[in-house]
Amino acid sequence: LAFARPFLPESGSAVATQPRRQVVFILDRSASMQAVGSDGPRWTLAKQRLQKALSELKPEDRVALIGCSTHTEILSGFATPSVVARLAGDLSPTFGTSDLGEGLGQAVRLLARNDPTLVSRIVVISDLQKSACQRLASFPVPDEVEVKVLEVGDRLAPNLAITQLQV
């Protein structure tokens, strides 16, 4: 037994050998995120899911945040999860439409410029309105990048738009 001891794995070594991750969050900030569904306001749910996902990451992981509304923008380049969590706390939805496909393209470009030895993931947080998802197929994601969707809102809620208003 005394001889075998150096060869036994230590309890903390499994955690230490987990690879670092780089995660890009795509946050839908369109007007539809202001709607209230059966499980509460979509925007509140989106921020809760984002904060929960960020809290599950390790401090050495790298996180970026992309906001999709009328314009898709990189809100934060790669930083620690705590930095992105603070930034996300101040965000609000806009009154425009979003293009999640453009957000996906931005995420793939960010991941391509970073360390290829890290485990890569893209997380989309959205109510998945049809208008926001139309161009998703136009932006291919490499096989080694995992894509996860955190859906907010009612799955069977109809898409609704005002096309003309007369007073």
C-alpha atoms as a PDB file:
ATOM      1  CA  LEU A   1       0.000   0.000   0.000  1.00  0.00           C
ATOM      2  CA  ALA A   2       2.809   2.431   0.787  1.00  0.00           C
ATOM      3  CA  PHE A   3       4.242   1.836  -2.668  1.00  0.00           C
ATOM      4  CA  ALA A   4       0.830   2.294  -4.399  1.00  0.00           C
ATOM      5  CA  ARG A   5       0.030   5.597  -2.700  1.00  0.00           C
ATOM      6  CA  PRO A   6       1.905   7.873  -5.157  1.00  0.00           C
ATOM      7  CA  PHE A   7      -0.016   6.267  -8.013  1.00  0.00           C
ATOM      8  CA  LEU A   8      -3.482   6.817  -6.563  1.00  0.00           C
ATOM      9  CA  PRO A   9      -5.273   9.825  -8.047  1.00  0.00           C
ATOM     10  CA  GLU A  10      -5.824  12.697  -5.670  1.00  0.00           C
ATOM     11  CA  SER A  11      -9.422  13.785  -5.068  1.00  0.00           C
ATOM     12  CA  GLY A  12      -8.901  17.244  -6.637  1.00  0.00           C
ATOM     13  CA  SER A  13      -6.981  16.067  -9.712  1.00  0.00           C
ATOM     14  CA  ALA A  14     -10.114  15.308 -11.755  1.00  0.00           C
ATOM     15  CA  VAL A  15     -11.212  18.923 -11.452  1.00  0.00           C
ATOM     16  CA  ALA A  16      -7.750  20.229 -12.244  1.00  0.00           C
ATOM     17  CA  THR A  17      -7.547  18.210 -15.483  1.00  0.00           C
ATOM     18  CA  GLN A  18     -10.796  19.562 -16.927  1.00  0.00           C
ATOM     19  CA  PRO A  19      -9.975  21.602 -20.023  1.00  0.00           C
ATOM     20  CA  ARG A  20     -10.489  25.344 -20.018  1.00  0.00           C
ATOM     21  CA  ARG A  21     -13.460  26.560 -22.001  1.00  0.00           C
ATOM     22  CA  GLN A  22     -14.232  29.504 -24.213  1.00  0.00           C
ATOM     23  CA  VAL A  23     -17.921  30.277 -24.367  1.00  0.00           C
ATOM     24  CA  VAL A  24     -19.675  32.856 -26.510  1.00  0.00           C
ATOM     25  CA  PHE A  25     -23.146  33.851 -25.346  1.00  0.00           C
ATOM     26  CA  ILE A  26     -25.547  35.235 -27.949  1.00  0.00           C
ATOM     27  CA  LEU A  27     -28.242  37.208 -26.157  1.00  0.00           C
ATOM     28  CA  ASP A  28     -31.430  38.135 -28.014  1.00  0.00           C
ATOM     29  CA  ARG A  29     -32.256  41.750 -27.103  1.00  0.00           C
ATOM     30  CA  SER A  30     -35.143  42.210 -29.553  1.00  0.00           C
ATOM     31  CA  ALA A  31     -38.514  43.752 -28.723  1.00  0.00           C
ATOM     32  CA  SER A  32     -40.133  40.320 -28.378  1.00  0.00           C
ATOM     33  CA  MET A  33     -37.970  39.723 -25.300  1.00  0.00           C
ATOM     34  CA  GLN A  34     -40.097  42.327 -23.504  1.00  0.00           C
ATOM     35  CA  ALA A  35     -43.152  40.055 -23.719  1.00  0.00           C
ATOM     36  CA  VAL A  36     -44.538  38.255 -20.699  1.00  0.00           C
ATOM     37  CA  GLY A  37     -45.143  34.522 -21.071  1.00  0.00           C
ATOM     38  CA  SER A  38     -46.726  31.921 -18.832  1.00  0.00           C
ATOM     39  CA  ASP A  39     -43.481  31.608 -16.856  1.00  0.00           C
ATOM     40  CA  GLY A  40     -42.822  35.344 -16.504  1.00  0.00           C
ATOM     41  CA  PRO A  41     -41.159  38.154 -18.440  1.00  0.00           C
ATOM     42  CA  ARG A  42     -38.898  36.769 -21.174  1.00  0.00           C
ATOM     43  CA  TRP A  43     -36.157  39.284 -20.513  1.00  0.00           C
ATOM     44  CA  THR A  44     -36.024  38.393 -16.816  1.00  0.00           C
ATOM     45  CA  LEU A  45     -35.830  34.695 -17.689  1.00  0.00           C
ATOM     46  CA  ALA A  46     -33.094  35.344 -20.260  1.00  0.00           C
ATOM     47  CA  LYS A  47     -30.954  37.250 -17.759  1.00  0.00           C
ATOM     48  CA  GLN A  48     -31.508  34.577 -15.099  1.00  0.00           C
ATOM     49  CA  ARG A  49     -30.429  31.828 -17.502  1.00  0.00           C
ATOM     50  CA  LEU A  50     -27.382  33.832 -18.556  1.00  0.00           C
ATOM     51  CA  GLN A  51     -26.345  34.497 -14.945  1.00  0.00           C
ATOM     52  CA  LYS A  52     -26.843  30.820 -14.023  1.00  0.00           C
ATOM     53  CA  ALA A  53     -24.743  29.649 -16.981  1.00  0.00           C
ATOM     54  CA  LEU A  54     -22.005  32.150 -16.095  1.00  0.00           C
ATOM     55  CA  SER A  55     -21.973  31.020 -12.455  1.00  0.00           C
ATOM     56  CA  GLU A  56     -21.351  27.415 -13.570  1.00  0.00           C
ATOM     57  CA  LEU A  57     -18.113  28.392 -15.337  1.00  0.00           C
ATOM     58  CA  LYS A  58     -14.703  28.440 -13.686  1.00  0.00           C
ATOM     59  CA  PRO A  59     -12.748  31.699 -13.257  1.00  0.00           C
ATOM     60  CA  GLU A  60     -10.108  30.507 -15.741  1.00  0.00           C
ATOM     61  CA  ASP A  61     -12.722  29.970 -18.477  1.00  0.00           C
ATOM     62  CA  ARG A  62     -13.104  32.723 -21.062  1.00  0.00           C
ATOM     63  CA  VAL A  63     -16.478  34.216 -21.964  1.00  0.00           C
ATOM     64  CA  ALA A  64     -17.656  36.653 -24.637  1.00  0.00           C
ATOM     65  CA  LEU A  65     -21.090  38.252 -25.022  1.00  0.00           C
ATOM     66  CA  ILE A  66     -22.873  39.192 -28.245  1.00  0.00           C
ATOM     67  CA  GLY A  67     -26.111  41.186 -28.238  1.00  0.00           C
ATOM     68  CA  CYS A  68     -28.615  40.747 -31.067  1.00  0.00           C
ATOM     69  CA  SER A  69     -31.094  43.520 -31.712  1.00  0.00           C
ATOM     70  CA  THR A  70     -31.435  45.941 -34.629  1.00  0.00           C
ATOM     71  CA  HIS A  71     -27.637  45.695 -34.865  1.00  0.00           C
ATOM     72  CA  THR A  72     -25.612  42.694 -33.762  1.00  0.00           C
ATOM     73  CA  GLU A  73     -22.702  43.785 -31.601  1.00  0.00           C
ATOM     74  CA  ILE A  74     -19.952  42.271 -29.531  1.00  0.00           C
ATOM     75  CA  LEU A  75     -20.743  43.579 -26.066  1.00  0.00           C
ATOM     76  CA  SER A  76     -17.691  41.936 -24.491  1.00  0.00           C
ATOM     77  CA  GLY A  77     -14.669  40.250 -25.986  1.00  0.00           C
ATOM     78  CA  PHE A  78     -13.265  37.283 -24.075  1.00  0.00           C
ATOM     79  CA  ALA A  79     -13.097  37.982 -20.352  1.00  0.00           C
ATOM     80  CA  THR A  80     -13.715  36.147 -17.101  1.00  0.00           C
ATOM     81  CA  PRO A  81     -17.274  35.003 -16.313  1.00  0.00           C
ATOM     82  CA  SER A  82     -17.527  37.523 -13.444  1.00  0.00           C
ATOM     83  CA  VAL A  83     -16.731  40.469 -15.746  1.00  0.00           C
ATOM     84  CA  VAL A  84     -19.403  39.415 -18.254  1.00  0.00           C
ATOM     85  CA  ALA A  85     -21.905  38.806 -15.430  1.00  0.00           C
ATOM     86  CA  ARG A  86     -21.488  42.412 -14.252  1.00  0.00           C
ATOM     87  CA  LEU A  87     -21.899  43.726 -17.802  1.00  0.00           C
ATOM     88  CA  ALA A  88     -25.019  41.632 -18.401  1.00  0.00           C
ATOM     89  CA  GLY A  89     -26.662  43.011 -15.276  1.00  0.00           C
ATOM     90  CA  ASP A  90     -26.980  46.441 -16.916  1.00  0.00           C
ATOM     91  CA  LEU A  91     -28.430  45.264 -20.249  1.00  0.00           C
ATOM     92  CA  SER A  92     -32.017  45.717 -21.383  1.00  0.00           C
ATOM     93  CA  PRO A  93     -33.990  44.697 -24.463  1.00  0.00           C
ATOM     94  CA  THR A  94     -34.432  47.077 -27.377  1.00  0.00           C
ATOM     95  CA  PHE A  95     -37.384  47.911 -29.603  1.00  0.00           C
ATOM     96  CA  GLY A  96     -35.953  46.396 -32.786  1.00  0.00           C
ATOM     97  CA  THR A  97     -35.770  42.978 -34.369  1.00  0.00           C
ATOM     98  CA  SER A  98     -32.817  40.633 -34.091  1.00  0.00           C
ATOM     99  CA  ASP A  99     -30.846  38.414 -36.442  1.00  0.00           C
ATOM    100  CA  LEU A 100     -29.526  35.440 -34.502  1.00  0.00           C
ATOM    101  CA  GLY A 101     -27.772  34.232 -37.657  1.00  0.00           C
ATOM    102  CA  GLU A 102     -25.565  37.326 -37.640  1.00  0.00           C
ATOM    103  CA  GLY A 103     -24.879  36.695 -33.950  1.00  0.00           C
ATOM    104  CA  LEU A 104     -23.893  33.126 -34.764  1.00  0.00           C
ATOM    105  CA  GLY A 105     -21.513  34.378 -37.455  1.00  0.00           C
ATOM    106  CA  GLN A 106     -19.910  36.831 -35.012  1.00  0.00           C
ATOM    107  CA  ALA A 107     -19.525  34.044 -32.436  1.00  0.00           C
ATOM    108  CA  VAL A 108     -17.792  31.721 -34.915  1.00  0.00           C
ATOM    109  CA  ARG A 109     -15.393  34.521 -35.903  1.00  0.00           C
ATOM    110  CA  LEU A 110     -14.573  35.227 -32.240  1.00  0.00           C
ATOM    111  CA  LEU A 111     -13.880  31.560 -31.539  1.00  0.00           C
ATOM    112  CA  ALA A 112     -11.704  31.221 -34.655  1.00  0.00           C
ATOM    113  CA  ARG A 113      -9.386  34.006 -33.423  1.00  0.00           C
ATOM    114  CA  ASN A 114      -8.868  32.457 -30.005  1.00  0.00           C
ATOM    115  CA  ASP A 115      -6.922  29.528 -28.548  1.00  0.00           C
ATOM    116  CA  PRO A 116      -7.769  26.315 -30.479  1.00  0.00           C
ATOM    117  CA  THR A 117      -6.796  24.130 -27.485  1.00  0.00           C
ATOM    118  CA  LEU A 118      -9.762  25.384 -25.450  1.00  0.00           C
ATOM    119  CA  VAL A 119     -13.140  23.650 -25.548  1.00  0.00           C
ATOM    120  CA  SER A 120     -15.469  25.936 -27.530  1.00  0.00           C
ATOM    121  CA  ARG A 121     -19.181  26.469 -27.006  1.00  0.00           C
ATOM    122  CA  ILE A 122     -21.815  28.883 -28.279  1.00  0.00           C
ATOM    123  CA  VAL A 123     -24.872  29.483 -26.100  1.00  0.00           C
ATOM    124  CA  VAL A 124     -27.916  31.168 -27.660  1.00  0.00           C
ATOM    125  CA  ILE A 125     -30.422  32.752 -25.261  1.00  0.00           C
ATOM    126  CA  SER A 126     -33.593  33.712 -27.115  1.00  0.00           C
ATOM    127  CA  ASP A 127     -37.333  33.327 -27.475  1.00  0.00           C
ATOM    128  CA  LEU A 128     -36.557  32.005 -30.980  1.00  0.00           C
ATOM    129  CA  GLN A 129     -38.992  34.177 -32.882  1.00  0.00           C
ATOM    130  CA  LYS A 130     -39.216  33.161 -36.532  1.00  0.00           C
ATOM    131  CA  SER A 131     -37.924  36.492 -37.835  1.00  0.00           C
ATOM    132  CA  ALA A 132     -34.780  36.197 -35.702  1.00  0.00           C
ATOM    133  CA  CYS A 133     -33.992  32.663 -36.873  1.00  0.00           C
ATOM    134  CA  GLN A 134     -34.434  32.977 -40.636  1.00  0.00           C
ATOM    135  CA  ARG A 135     -30.722  33.235 -41.478  1.00  0.00           C
ATOM    136  CA  LEU A 136     -29.303  30.703 -39.016  1.00  0.00           C
ATOM    137  CA  ALA A 137     -28.493  28.182 -41.766  1.00  0.00           C
ATOM    138  CA  SER A 138     -26.376  30.821 -43.544  1.00  0.00           C
ATOM    139  CA  PHE A 139     -23.738  30.707 -40.801  1.00  0.00           C
ATOM    140  CA  PRO A 140     -22.168  27.230 -40.460  1.00  0.00           C
ATOM    141  CA  VAL A 141     -20.590  26.274 -37.156  1.00  0.00           C
ATOM    142  CA  PRO A 142     -17.450  24.080 -37.070  1.00  0.00           C
ATOM    143  CA  ASP A 143     -18.030  20.518 -35.840  1.00  0.00           C
ATOM    144  CA  GLU A 144     -15.775  20.982 -32.815  1.00  0.00           C
ATOM    145  CA  VAL A 145     -17.924  23.843 -31.474  1.00  0.00           C
ATOM    146  CA  GLU A 146     -20.862  22.821 -29.305  1.00  0.00           C
ATOM    147  CA  VAL A 147     -24.035  24.897 -29.698  1.00  0.00           C
ATOM    148  CA  LYS A 148     -26.545  25.072 -26.864  1.00  0.00           C
ATOM    149  CA  VAL A 149     -29.877  26.923 -26.901  1.00  0.00           C
ATOM    150  CA  LEU A 150     -31.458  28.306 -23.731  1.00  0.00           C
ATOM    151  CA  GLU A 151     -34.988  29.068 -24.850  1.00  0.00           C
ATOM    152  CA  VAL A 152     -37.154  31.584 -23.018  1.00  0.00           C
ATOM    153  CA  GLY A 153     -40.839  32.142 -23.580  1.00  0.00           C
ATOM    154  CA  ASP A 154     -43.660  29.914 -24.637  1.00  0.00           C
ATOM    155  CA  ARG A 155     -42.735  27.472 -27.373  1.00  0.00           C
ATOM    156  CA  LEU A 156     -46.181  27.599 -28.989  1.00  0.00           C
ATOM    157  CA  ALA A 157     -46.719  31.355 -28.741  1.00  0.00           C
ATOM    158  CA  PRO A 158     -47.499  32.760 -32.180  1.00  0.00           C
ATOM    159  CA  ASN A 159     -45.196  35.252 -33.832  1.00  0.00           C
ATOM    160  CA  LEU A 160     -46.911  38.613 -33.859  1.00  0.00           C
ATOM    161  CA  ALA A 161     -46.063  41.760 -35.726  1.00  0.00           C
ATOM    162  CA  ILE A 162     -47.776  45.061 -36.443  1.00  0.00           C
ATOM    163  CA  THR A 163     -47.432  45.834 -40.130  1.00  0.00           C
ATOM    164  CA  GLN A 164     -49.479  49.012 -40.266  1.00  0.00           C
ATOM    165  CA  LEU A 165     -51.108  51.340 -37.743  1.00  0.00           C
ATOM    166  CA  GLN A 166     -53.602  54.034 -38.622  1.00  0.00           C
ATOM    167  CA  VAL A 167     -54.980  56.580 -36.187  1.00  0.00           C
END
